[in-house]
Amino acid sequence: MNRQGIVTAFRKSSYSSGGQGSECVEVAHTADGGRAVRDSKNPAGGLQFYGPGHWAAFIDGVKAGTFGG
């Protein structure tokens, strides 16, 4: 998928702070219901795309505490 598949603006998490050590990504919706993700400090550095099923599994893992957060 390419930039044409992105159907919303990129958004940064409301939990992101501007403080030291803050590492954040930005996420946008894609035409297929998935997501495009980029580094907020280097938006021109490239994109990663996740289909709807993979994105849903990631969100479920976040909610379940799978990633230690």
C-alpha atoms as a PDB file:
ATOM      1  CA  MET A   1       0.000   0.000   0.000  1.00  0.00           C
ATOM      2  CA  ASN A   2       1.187   3.538  -0.644  1.00  0.00           C
ATOM      3  CA  ARG A   3       0.328   7.058   0.508  1.00  0.00           C
ATOM      4  CA  GLN A   4      -2.800   7.085  -1.673  1.00  0.00           C
ATOM      5  CA  GLY A   5      -4.216   4.400   0.624  1.00  0.00           C
ATOM      6  CA  ILE A   6      -4.071   6.745   3.622  1.00  0.00           C
ATOM      7  CA  VAL A   7      -7.516   8.253   4.159  1.00  0.00           C
ATOM      8  CA  THR A   8      -7.069  10.320   7.355  1.00  0.00           C
ATOM      9  CA  ALA A   9      -4.478  12.672   8.728  1.00  0.00           C
ATOM     10  CA  PHE A  10      -1.764  11.230  10.956  1.00  0.00           C
ATOM     11  CA  ARG A  11      -2.489  11.647  14.673  1.00  0.00           C
ATOM     12  CA  LYS A  12      -0.176  11.447  17.652  1.00  0.00           C
ATOM     13  CA  SER A  13      -1.303   9.838  20.899  1.00  0.00           C
ATOM     14  CA  SER A  14      -2.723  12.186  23.522  1.00  0.00           C
ATOM     15  CA  TYR A  15      -0.424  10.346  25.950  1.00  0.00           C
ATOM     16  CA  SER A  16       2.633  11.622  24.102  1.00  0.00           C
ATOM     17  CA  SER A  17       4.584  14.300  25.920  1.00  0.00           C
ATOM     18  CA  GLY A  18       7.136  16.709  24.580  1.00  0.00           C
ATOM     19  CA  GLY A  19       9.543  15.855  27.384  1.00  0.00           C
ATOM     20  CA  GLN A  20      12.920  14.239  27.283  1.00  0.00           C
ATOM     21  CA  GLY A  21      12.900  10.646  26.109  1.00  0.00           C
ATOM     22  CA  SER A  22       9.420  10.857  24.661  1.00  0.00           C
ATOM     23  CA  GLU A  23       9.226   8.432  21.780  1.00  0.00           C
ATOM     24  CA  CYS A  24       6.039   8.519  19.821  1.00  0.00           C
ATOM     25  CA  VAL A  25       4.494   7.305  16.624  1.00  0.00           C
ATOM     26  CA  GLU A  26       1.704   8.766  14.544  1.00  0.00           C
ATOM     27  CA  VAL A  27      -1.116   6.667  13.129  1.00  0.00           C
ATOM     28  CA  ALA A  28      -3.480   7.201  10.183  1.00  0.00           C
ATOM     29  CA  HIS A  29      -6.369   5.110   8.844  1.00  0.00           C
ATOM     30  CA  THR A  30      -5.962   3.350   5.503  1.00  0.00           C
ATOM     31  CA  ALA A  31      -8.563   2.654   2.843  1.00  0.00           C
ATOM     32  CA  ASP A  32      -8.697  -1.059   3.702  1.00  0.00           C
ATOM     33  CA  GLY A  33      -9.469  -0.390   7.395  1.00  0.00           C
ATOM     34  CA  GLY A  34      -5.880  -0.888   8.512  1.00  0.00           C
ATOM     35  CA  ARG A  35      -3.367   1.657   9.734  1.00  0.00           C
ATOM     36  CA  ALA A  36      -0.248   3.436   8.548  1.00  0.00           C
ATOM     37  CA  VAL A  37       2.346   4.221  11.227  1.00  0.00           C
ATOM     38  CA  ARG A  38       5.294   6.620  11.180  1.00  0.00           C
ATOM     39  CA  ASP A  39       7.850   8.073  13.604  1.00  0.00           C
ATOM     40  CA  SER A  40       6.617  11.463  14.852  1.00  0.00           C
ATOM     41  CA  LYS A  41      10.182  12.809  15.023  1.00  0.00           C
ATOM     42  CA  ASN A  42      10.969  11.734  11.455  1.00  0.00           C
ATOM     43  CA  PRO A  43       7.725  11.704   9.441  1.00  0.00           C
ATOM     44  CA  ALA A  44       9.598  11.539   6.129  1.00  0.00           C
ATOM     45  CA  GLY A  45      11.583   8.508   7.305  1.00  0.00           C
ATOM     46  CA  GLY A  46       9.120   5.926   6.038  1.00  0.00           C
ATOM     47  CA  LEU A  47       5.824   4.258   6.798  1.00  0.00           C
ATOM     48  CA  GLN A  48       4.743   0.877   8.074  1.00  0.00           C
ATOM     49  CA  PHE A  49       1.358  -0.494   7.040  1.00  0.00           C
ATOM     50  CA  TYR A  50      -0.794  -2.925   9.032  1.00  0.00           C
ATOM     51  CA  GLY A  51      -3.915  -4.615   7.723  1.00  0.00           C
ATOM     52  CA  PRO A  52      -7.137  -4.520   9.762  1.00  0.00           C
ATOM     53  CA  GLY A  53      -6.627  -7.947  11.352  1.00  0.00           C
ATOM     54  CA  HIS A  54      -3.049  -7.285  12.390  1.00  0.00           C
ATOM     55  CA  TRP A  55      -3.936  -3.860  13.782  1.00  0.00           C
ATOM     56  CA  ALA A  56      -6.847  -5.341  15.784  1.00  0.00           C
ATOM     57  CA  ALA A  57      -4.539  -8.032  17.211  1.00  0.00           C
ATOM     58  CA  PHE A  58      -2.023  -5.358  18.217  1.00  0.00           C
ATOM     59  CA  ILE A  59      -4.698  -3.265  19.963  1.00  0.00           C
ATOM     60  CA  ASP A  60      -6.006  -6.361  21.752  1.00  0.00           C
ATOM     61  CA  GLY A  61      -2.450  -7.086  22.940  1.00  0.00           C
ATOM     62  CA  VAL A  62      -2.035  -3.524  24.223  1.00  0.00           C
ATOM     63  CA  LYS A  63      -5.304  -3.735  26.130  1.00  0.00           C
ATOM     64  CA  ALA A  64      -4.316  -7.101  27.626  1.00  0.00           C
ATOM     65  CA  GLY A  65      -0.936  -5.784  28.810  1.00  0.00           C
ATOM     66  CA  THR A  66       0.988  -8.125  26.536  1.00  0.00           C
ATOM     67  CA  PHE A  67       3.705  -5.554  25.889  1.00  0.00           C
ATOM     68  CA  GLY A  68       4.494  -4.772  29.510  1.00  0.00           C
ATOM     69  CA  GLY A  69       2.936  -1.319  29.583  1.00  0.00           C
END
